[in-house]
Amino acid sequence: MTAPTTPPAPVSETGPETARETPASRAERIGDAALDLLVERGMRGLTHRAVDERAGLPQGSTSNHARTRQALLEAAVRRQVHWDTRVLTLEELPGVGDGAPPDADALVDALALALHRYLTDHRALLVSRYELALEATRRPELRAFFDAAGSAFHGPLVAMMTAAGSPAPERHALSLIAWCEGLLFSCAAGSFHSAVPGHAELRTGFDELLRGMLGGRNG
């Protein structure tokens, strides 16, 4: 599978205000600036005033768009999901973009590619996601929004596990997600932060994991 052009970092969408800016593009600038601040300063550094400054907007612009802290956090979550879904798009998933019946090998390739992109090109996205996820544990209203916004890949992953021959696709999809999240955290913020696995190593790990789930699929 050929990797597409890497999506730009959120900061690239911020810049001087233009007369032609639409409400939608203003919302994107605010959300991207919020993500940048989460990465650089953590949750305490995310304020309406700081977003105005980072996005290059007049003072009060962020408050006009997102009047409460909850609304500002939701704006950040929307842009987090926007960028996450571009690390590995649905069209790149086996059986979705190419029309071929998905199998375990194609699933291994796709998952290894996604994790490798996160760990080599998009580590900042992981940091901002962890900041938002931790805040969601303290804000039930954000928890519901965060979970709903981040569920885009669950259904396709269950479908791919079913097509690959899993006898328990829901459970196995959960195990795959947990394995991915654990590895990403360990390599981005945990004890293995200085030892990023290569694409081949990630592929081997996924192959071993799926082999166990599917009962020695290759013999």
C-alpha atoms as a PDB file:
ATOM      1  CA  MET A   1       0.000   0.000   0.000  1.00  0.00           C
ATOM      2  CA  THR A   2       1.441   3.364  -1.005  1.00  0.00           C
ATOM      3  CA  ALA A   3       1.315   6.064   1.645  1.00  0.00           C
ATOM      4  CA  PRO A   4      -0.497   9.205   0.510  1.00  0.00           C
ATOM      5  CA  THR A   5       0.878  12.665   0.998  1.00  0.00           C
ATOM      6  CA  THR A   6       1.075  13.304   4.714  1.00  0.00           C
ATOM      7  CA  PRO A   7      -1.592  15.702   5.973  1.00  0.00           C
ATOM      8  CA  PRO A   8      -0.303  19.037   7.227  1.00  0.00           C
ATOM      9  CA  ALA A   9       0.010  19.706  10.920  1.00  0.00           C
ATOM     10  CA  PRO A  10      -2.860  21.657  12.461  1.00  0.00           C
ATOM     11  CA  VAL A  11      -0.673  24.728  12.922  1.00  0.00           C
ATOM     12  CA  SER A  12      -0.406  25.107   9.158  1.00  0.00           C
ATOM     13  CA  GLU A  13      -4.024  26.188   8.939  1.00  0.00           C
ATOM     14  CA  THR A  14      -3.610  29.150  11.238  1.00  0.00           C
ATOM     15  CA  GLY A  15      -2.460  32.496   9.946  1.00  0.00           C
ATOM     16  CA  PRO A  16      -3.423  36.103   9.377  1.00  0.00           C
ATOM     17  CA  GLU A  17      -7.111  36.853   9.232  1.00  0.00           C
ATOM     18  CA  THR A  18      -8.479  37.387   5.726  1.00  0.00           C
ATOM     19  CA  ALA A  19     -11.512  39.300   4.557  1.00  0.00           C
ATOM     20  CA  ARG A  20     -12.815  36.227   2.738  1.00  0.00           C
ATOM     21  CA  GLU A  21     -12.783  33.982   5.793  1.00  0.00           C
ATOM     22  CA  THR A  22     -16.018  32.037   6.271  1.00  0.00           C
ATOM     23  CA  PRO A  23     -17.553  30.991   9.605  1.00  0.00           C
ATOM     24  CA  ALA A  24     -16.498  27.413   8.846  1.00  0.00           C
ATOM     25  CA  SER A  25     -12.880  28.340   8.172  1.00  0.00           C
ATOM     26  CA  ARG A  26     -12.843  30.536  11.295  1.00  0.00           C
ATOM     27  CA  ALA A  27     -14.038  27.538  13.316  1.00  0.00           C
ATOM     28  CA  GLU A  28     -11.264  25.411  11.829  1.00  0.00           C
ATOM     29  CA  ARG A  29      -8.612  28.002  12.703  1.00  0.00           C
ATOM     30  CA  ILE A  30      -9.877  28.169  16.262  1.00  0.00           C
ATOM     31  CA  GLY A  31      -9.950  24.393  16.625  1.00  0.00           C
ATOM     32  CA  ASP A  32      -6.477  23.987  15.150  1.00  0.00           C
ATOM     33  CA  ALA A  33      -5.060  26.698  17.401  1.00  0.00           C
ATOM     34  CA  ALA A  34      -6.642  24.947  20.388  1.00  0.00           C
ATOM     35  CA  LEU A  35      -4.925  21.679  19.435  1.00  0.00           C
ATOM     36  CA  ASP A  36      -1.579  23.433  19.077  1.00  0.00           C
ATOM     37  CA  LEU A  37      -1.957  24.937  22.547  1.00  0.00           C
ATOM     38  CA  LEU A  38      -2.860  21.576  24.061  1.00  0.00           C
ATOM     39  CA  VAL A  39       0.328  20.097  22.636  1.00  0.00           C
ATOM     40  CA  GLU A  40       2.572  22.974  23.707  1.00  0.00           C
ATOM     41  CA  ARG A  41       1.053  24.039  27.047  1.00  0.00           C
ATOM     42  CA  GLY A  42      -1.353  21.333  28.147  1.00  0.00           C
ATOM     43  CA  MET A  43      -4.939  21.797  29.263  1.00  0.00           C
ATOM     44  CA  ARG A  44      -4.080  24.702  31.575  1.00  0.00           C
ATOM     45  CA  GLY A  45      -2.721  26.658  28.641  1.00  0.00           C
ATOM     46  CA  LEU A  46      -5.950  26.367  26.657  1.00  0.00           C
ATOM     47  CA  THR A  47      -7.845  29.635  27.132  1.00  0.00           C
ATOM     48  CA  HIS A  48     -10.001  31.724  24.844  1.00  0.00           C
ATOM     49  CA  ARG A  49      -7.459  34.541  24.894  1.00  0.00           C
ATOM     50  CA  ALA A  50      -4.570  32.186  24.103  1.00  0.00           C
ATOM     51  CA  VAL A  51      -6.483  30.749  21.144  1.00  0.00           C
ATOM     52  CA  ASP A  52      -7.107  34.265  19.808  1.00  0.00           C
ATOM     53  CA  GLU A  53      -3.397  35.000  19.999  1.00  0.00           C
ATOM     54  CA  ARG A  54      -2.314  31.696  18.486  1.00  0.00           C
ATOM     55  CA  ALA A  55      -4.814  31.897  15.618  1.00  0.00           C
ATOM     56  CA  GLY A  56      -3.983  35.535  14.901  1.00  0.00           C
ATOM     57  CA  LEU A  57      -7.566  36.621  15.563  1.00  0.00           C
ATOM     58  CA  PRO A  58      -8.892  39.805  17.193  1.00  0.00           C
ATOM     59  CA  GLN A  59      -9.401  39.521  20.933  1.00  0.00           C
ATOM     60  CA  GLY A  60     -12.820  38.055  21.700  1.00  0.00           C
ATOM     61  CA  SER A  61     -13.117  36.090  18.443  1.00  0.00           C
ATOM     62  CA  THR A  62     -12.833  32.704  20.129  1.00  0.00           C
ATOM     63  CA  SER A  63     -15.383  33.673  22.780  1.00  0.00           C
ATOM     64  CA  ASN A  64     -17.812  34.674  20.035  1.00  0.00           C
ATOM     65  CA  HIS A  65     -17.407  31.272  18.400  1.00  0.00           C
ATOM     66  CA  ALA A  66     -17.232  29.132  21.553  1.00  0.00           C
ATOM     67  CA  ARG A  67     -18.661  30.973  24.539  1.00  0.00           C
ATOM     68  CA  THR A  68     -17.983  28.301  27.148  1.00  0.00           C
ATOM     69  CA  ARG A  69     -14.987  26.109  27.899  1.00  0.00           C
ATOM     70  CA  GLN A  70     -17.065  23.085  26.951  1.00  0.00           C
ATOM     71  CA  ALA A  71     -17.734  24.615  23.535  1.00  0.00           C
ATOM     72  CA  LEU A  72     -14.024  25.346  23.089  1.00  0.00           C
ATOM     73  CA  LEU A  73     -13.131  21.766  23.987  1.00  0.00           C
ATOM     74  CA  GLU A  74     -15.725  20.466  21.540  1.00  0.00           C
ATOM     75  CA  ALA A  75     -14.182  22.629  18.825  1.00  0.00           C
ATOM     76  CA  ALA A  76     -10.820  21.044  19.587  1.00  0.00           C
ATOM     77  CA  VAL A  77     -12.311  17.536  19.497  1.00  0.00           C
ATOM     78  CA  ARG A  78     -13.853  18.192  16.072  1.00  0.00           C
ATOM     79  CA  ARG A  79     -10.489  19.168  14.637  1.00  0.00           C
ATOM     80  CA  GLN A  80      -8.796  16.273  16.414  1.00  0.00           C
ATOM     81  CA  VAL A  81     -11.157  13.877  14.646  1.00  0.00           C
ATOM     82  CA  HIS A  82     -10.645  15.738  11.364  1.00  0.00           C
ATOM     83  CA  TRP A  83      -6.891  15.202  11.502  1.00  0.00           C
ATOM     84  CA  ASP A  84      -7.076  11.670  12.941  1.00  0.00           C
ATOM     85  CA  THR A  85      -9.225  10.495  10.052  1.00  0.00           C
ATOM     86  CA  ARG A  86      -6.594  11.769   7.626  1.00  0.00           C
ATOM     87  CA  VAL A  87      -3.727   9.781   9.084  1.00  0.00           C
ATOM     88  CA  LEU A  88      -5.339   6.696   7.550  1.00  0.00           C
ATOM     89  CA  THR A  89      -8.488   7.465   5.598  1.00  0.00           C
ATOM     90  CA  LEU A  90     -11.443   5.137   5.302  1.00  0.00           C
ATOM     91  CA  GLU A  91     -10.666   4.879   1.582  1.00  0.00           C
ATOM     92  CA  GLU A  92      -7.276   3.345   2.430  1.00  0.00           C
ATOM     93  CA  LEU A  93      -8.824   0.615   4.550  1.00  0.00           C
ATOM     94  CA  PRO A  94      -8.982  -2.807   2.860  1.00  0.00           C
ATOM     95  CA  GLY A  95     -12.305  -3.485   1.198  1.00  0.00           C
ATOM     96  CA  VAL A  96     -13.374   0.167   1.364  1.00  0.00           C
ATOM     97  CA  GLY A  97     -11.229   2.108  -1.070  1.00  0.00           C
ATOM     98  CA  ASP A  98     -10.026  -0.660  -3.396  1.00  0.00           C
ATOM     99  CA  GLY A  99     -13.237  -2.681  -3.524  1.00  0.00           C
ATOM    100  CA  ALA A 100     -11.349  -5.924  -2.876  1.00  0.00           C
ATOM    101  CA  PRO A 101     -12.633  -8.357  -0.237  1.00  0.00           C
ATOM    102  CA  PRO A 102     -10.787  -7.480   2.992  1.00  0.00           C
ATOM    103  CA  ASP A 103      -8.508 -10.147   4.435  1.00  0.00           C
ATOM    104  CA  ALA A 104      -6.178 -10.455   7.405  1.00  0.00           C
ATOM    105  CA  ASP A 105      -3.029  -9.544   5.457  1.00  0.00           C
ATOM    106  CA  ALA A 106      -4.591  -6.347   4.126  1.00  0.00           C
ATOM    107  CA  LEU A 107      -5.782  -5.468   7.629  1.00  0.00           C
ATOM    108  CA  VAL A 108      -2.280  -5.997   9.023  1.00  0.00           C
ATOM    109  CA  ASP A 109      -0.847  -3.719   6.327  1.00  0.00           C
ATOM    110  CA  ALA A 110      -3.369  -0.954   7.016  1.00  0.00           C
ATOM    111  CA  LEU A 111      -2.977  -1.001  10.794  1.00  0.00           C
ATOM    112  CA  ALA A 112       0.822  -1.065  10.643  1.00  0.00           C
ATOM    113  CA  LEU A 113       0.792   1.853   8.208  1.00  0.00           C
ATOM    114  CA  ALA A 114      -1.519   3.898  10.439  1.00  0.00           C
ATOM    115  CA  LEU A 115       0.556   3.396  13.589  1.00  0.00           C
ATOM    116  CA  HIS A 116       3.804   4.069  11.757  1.00  0.00           C
ATOM    117  CA  ARG A 117       2.427   7.365  10.437  1.00  0.00           C
ATOM    118  CA  TYR A 118       1.305   8.414  13.912  1.00  0.00           C
ATOM    119  CA  LEU A 119       4.650   7.615  15.503  1.00  0.00           C
ATOM    120  CA  THR A 120       6.817   9.179  12.804  1.00  0.00           C
ATOM    121  CA  ASP A 121       4.829  12.121  11.417  1.00  0.00           C
ATOM    122  CA  HIS A 122       1.918  12.861  13.745  1.00  0.00           C
ATOM    123  CA  ARG A 123       3.060  12.531  17.343  1.00  0.00           C
ATOM    124  CA  ALA A 124       1.573  15.915  18.167  1.00  0.00           C
ATOM    125  CA  LEU A 125      -1.861  14.512  17.316  1.00  0.00           C
ATOM    126  CA  LEU A 126      -1.334  11.805  19.906  1.00  0.00           C
ATOM    127  CA  VAL A 127      -0.423  14.349  22.584  1.00  0.00           C
ATOM    128  CA  SER A 128      -3.485  16.495  21.907  1.00  0.00           C
ATOM    129  CA  ARG A 129      -5.699  13.407  21.898  1.00  0.00           C
ATOM    130  CA  TYR A 130      -4.358  12.310  25.286  1.00  0.00           C
ATOM    131  CA  GLU A 131      -4.950  15.776  26.718  1.00  0.00           C
ATOM    132  CA  LEU A 132      -8.566  15.701  25.524  1.00  0.00           C
ATOM    133  CA  ALA A 133      -9.120  12.113  26.659  1.00  0.00           C
ATOM    134  CA  LEU A 134      -7.892  12.872  30.171  1.00  0.00           C
ATOM    135  CA  GLU A 135     -10.069  15.972  30.388  1.00  0.00           C
ATOM    136  CA  ALA A 136     -13.027  13.846  29.284  1.00  0.00           C
ATOM    137  CA  THR A 137     -12.598  11.687  32.393  1.00  0.00           C
ATOM    138  CA  ARG A 138     -13.415  14.777  34.480  1.00  0.00           C
ATOM    139  CA  ARG A 139     -16.186  16.181  32.275  1.00  0.00           C
ATOM    140  CA  PRO A 140     -19.085  13.792  31.574  1.00  0.00           C
ATOM    141  CA  GLU A 141     -20.474  16.151  28.937  1.00  0.00           C
ATOM    142  CA  LEU A 142     -17.143  16.075  27.091  1.00  0.00           C
ATOM    143  CA  ARG A 143     -16.888  12.307  27.556  1.00  0.00           C
ATOM    144  CA  ALA A 144     -20.069  11.728  25.572  1.00  0.00           C
ATOM    145  CA  PHE A 145     -18.997  14.137  22.825  1.00  0.00           C
ATOM    146  CA  PHE A 146     -15.449  12.739  22.668  1.00  0.00           C
ATOM    147  CA  ASP A 147     -16.640   9.127  22.418  1.00  0.00           C
ATOM    148  CA  ALA A 148     -19.236   9.874  19.752  1.00  0.00           C
ATOM    149  CA  ALA A 149     -16.805  11.910  17.670  1.00  0.00           C
ATOM    150  CA  GLY A 150     -14.093   9.277  17.778  1.00  0.00           C
ATOM    151  CA  SER A 151     -16.143   6.240  16.771  1.00  0.00           C
ATOM    152  CA  ALA A 152     -15.668   6.475  12.978  1.00  0.00           C
ATOM    153  CA  PHE A 153     -13.358   3.482  12.670  1.00  0.00           C
ATOM    154  CA  HIS A 154     -15.124   1.079  15.038  1.00  0.00           C
ATOM    155  CA  GLY A 155     -17.746  -0.147  12.582  1.00  0.00           C
ATOM    156  CA  PRO A 156     -15.331  -0.661   9.656  1.00  0.00           C
ATOM    157  CA  LEU A 157     -12.866  -2.466  11.942  1.00  0.00           C
ATOM    158  CA  VAL A 158     -15.562  -4.868  13.159  1.00  0.00           C
ATOM    159  CA  ALA A 159     -16.563  -5.502   9.539  1.00  0.00           C
ATOM    160  CA  MET A 160     -12.960  -6.199   8.556  1.00  0.00           C
ATOM    161  CA  MET A 161     -12.481  -8.583  11.473  1.00  0.00           C
ATOM    162  CA  THR A 162     -15.615 -10.419  10.384  1.00  0.00           C
ATOM    163  CA  ALA A 163     -14.341 -10.669   6.797  1.00  0.00           C
ATOM    164  CA  ALA A 164     -10.953 -11.883   8.030  1.00  0.00           C
ATOM    165  CA  GLY A 165     -12.653 -14.836   9.725  1.00  0.00           C
ATOM    166  CA  SER A 166     -12.858 -13.709  13.346  1.00  0.00           C
ATOM    167  CA  PRO A 167     -15.251 -15.837  15.429  1.00  0.00           C
ATOM    168  CA  ALA A 168     -15.814 -12.853  17.761  1.00  0.00           C
ATOM    169  CA  PRO A 169     -15.358  -9.676  15.682  1.00  0.00           C
ATOM    170  CA  GLU A 170     -16.665  -7.213  18.295  1.00  0.00           C
ATOM    171  CA  ARG A 171     -14.383  -8.554  21.015  1.00  0.00           C
ATOM    172  CA  HIS A 172     -11.424  -8.858  18.695  1.00  0.00           C
ATOM    173  CA  ALA A 173     -11.930  -5.317  17.372  1.00  0.00           C
ATOM    174  CA  LEU A 174     -11.864  -4.057  20.967  1.00  0.00           C
ATOM    175  CA  SER A 175      -8.652  -5.998  21.618  1.00  0.00           C
ATOM    176  CA  LEU A 176      -7.065  -4.553  18.483  1.00  0.00           C
ATOM    177  CA  ILE A 177      -8.011  -1.008  19.450  1.00  0.00           C
ATOM    178  CA  ALA A 178      -6.675  -1.512  22.982  1.00  0.00           C
ATOM    179  CA  TRP A 179      -3.413  -2.944  21.638  1.00  0.00           C
ATOM    180  CA  CYS A 180      -3.000  -0.013  19.256  1.00  0.00           C
ATOM    181  CA  GLU A 181      -3.768   2.580  21.924  1.00  0.00           C
ATOM    182  CA  GLY A 182      -1.369   0.971  24.371  1.00  0.00           C
ATOM    183  CA  LEU A 183       1.461   0.814  21.871  1.00  0.00           C
ATOM    184  CA  LEU A 184       0.903   4.393  20.718  1.00  0.00           C
ATOM    185  CA  PHE A 185       0.909   5.709  24.284  1.00  0.00           C
ATOM    186  CA  SER A 186       4.007   3.727  25.251  1.00  0.00           C
ATOM    187  CA  CYS A 187       5.929   5.025  22.241  1.00  0.00           C
ATOM    188  CA  ALA A 188       4.638   8.610  22.335  1.00  0.00           C
ATOM    189  CA  ALA A 189       4.494   9.355  26.059  1.00  0.00           C
ATOM    190  CA  GLY A 190       5.433   6.223  27.978  1.00  0.00           C
ATOM    191  CA  SER A 191       8.544   4.204  28.736  1.00  0.00           C
ATOM    192  CA  PHE A 192       9.327   3.489  25.066  1.00  0.00           C
ATOM    193  CA  HIS A 193       9.115   7.105  23.872  1.00  0.00           C
ATOM    194  CA  SER A 194      12.684   7.008  22.568  1.00  0.00           C
ATOM    195  CA  ALA A 195      12.332   3.686  20.742  1.00  0.00           C
ATOM    196  CA  VAL A 196       9.901   4.028  17.851  1.00  0.00           C
ATOM    197  CA  PRO A 197       9.235   0.682  16.136  1.00  0.00           C
ATOM    198  CA  GLY A 198       9.682   0.552  12.373  1.00  0.00           C
ATOM    199  CA  HIS A 199       6.957  -0.315   9.898  1.00  0.00           C
ATOM    200  CA  ALA A 200       8.161  -3.920   9.533  1.00  0.00           C
ATOM    201  CA  GLU A 201       8.242  -4.388  13.310  1.00  0.00           C
ATOM    202  CA  LEU A 202       4.717  -3.025  13.643  1.00  0.00           C
ATOM    203  CA  ARG A 203       3.523  -5.308  10.879  1.00  0.00           C
ATOM    204  CA  THR A 204       5.048  -8.327  12.628  1.00  0.00           C
ATOM    205  CA  GLY A 205       3.310  -7.378  15.862  1.00  0.00           C
ATOM    206  CA  PHE A 206      -0.072  -7.084  14.173  1.00  0.00           C
ATOM    207  CA  ASP A 207       0.489 -10.361  12.330  1.00  0.00           C
ATOM    208  CA  GLU A 208       1.227 -12.170  15.595  1.00  0.00           C
ATOM    209  CA  LEU A 209      -1.791 -10.599  17.278  1.00  0.00           C
ATOM    210  CA  LEU A 210      -4.190 -11.521  14.481  1.00  0.00           C
ATOM    211  CA  ARG A 211      -2.712 -14.997  14.194  1.00  0.00           C
ATOM    212  CA  GLY A 212      -3.712 -15.612  17.801  1.00  0.00           C
ATOM    213  CA  MET A 213      -7.194 -14.189  17.301  1.00  0.00           C
ATOM    214  CA  LEU A 214      -7.867 -16.117  14.118  1.00  0.00           C
ATOM    215  CA  GLY A 215      -6.422 -19.401  15.276  1.00  0.00           C
ATOM    216  CA  GLY A 216      -3.151 -19.526  13.357  1.00  0.00           C
ATOM    217  CA  ARG A 217      -4.539 -18.135  10.153  1.00  0.00           C
ATOM    218  CA  ASN A 218      -1.425 -19.026   8.144  1.00  0.00           C
ATOM    219  CA  GLY A 219      -1.120 -22.518   9.322  1.00  0.00           C
END
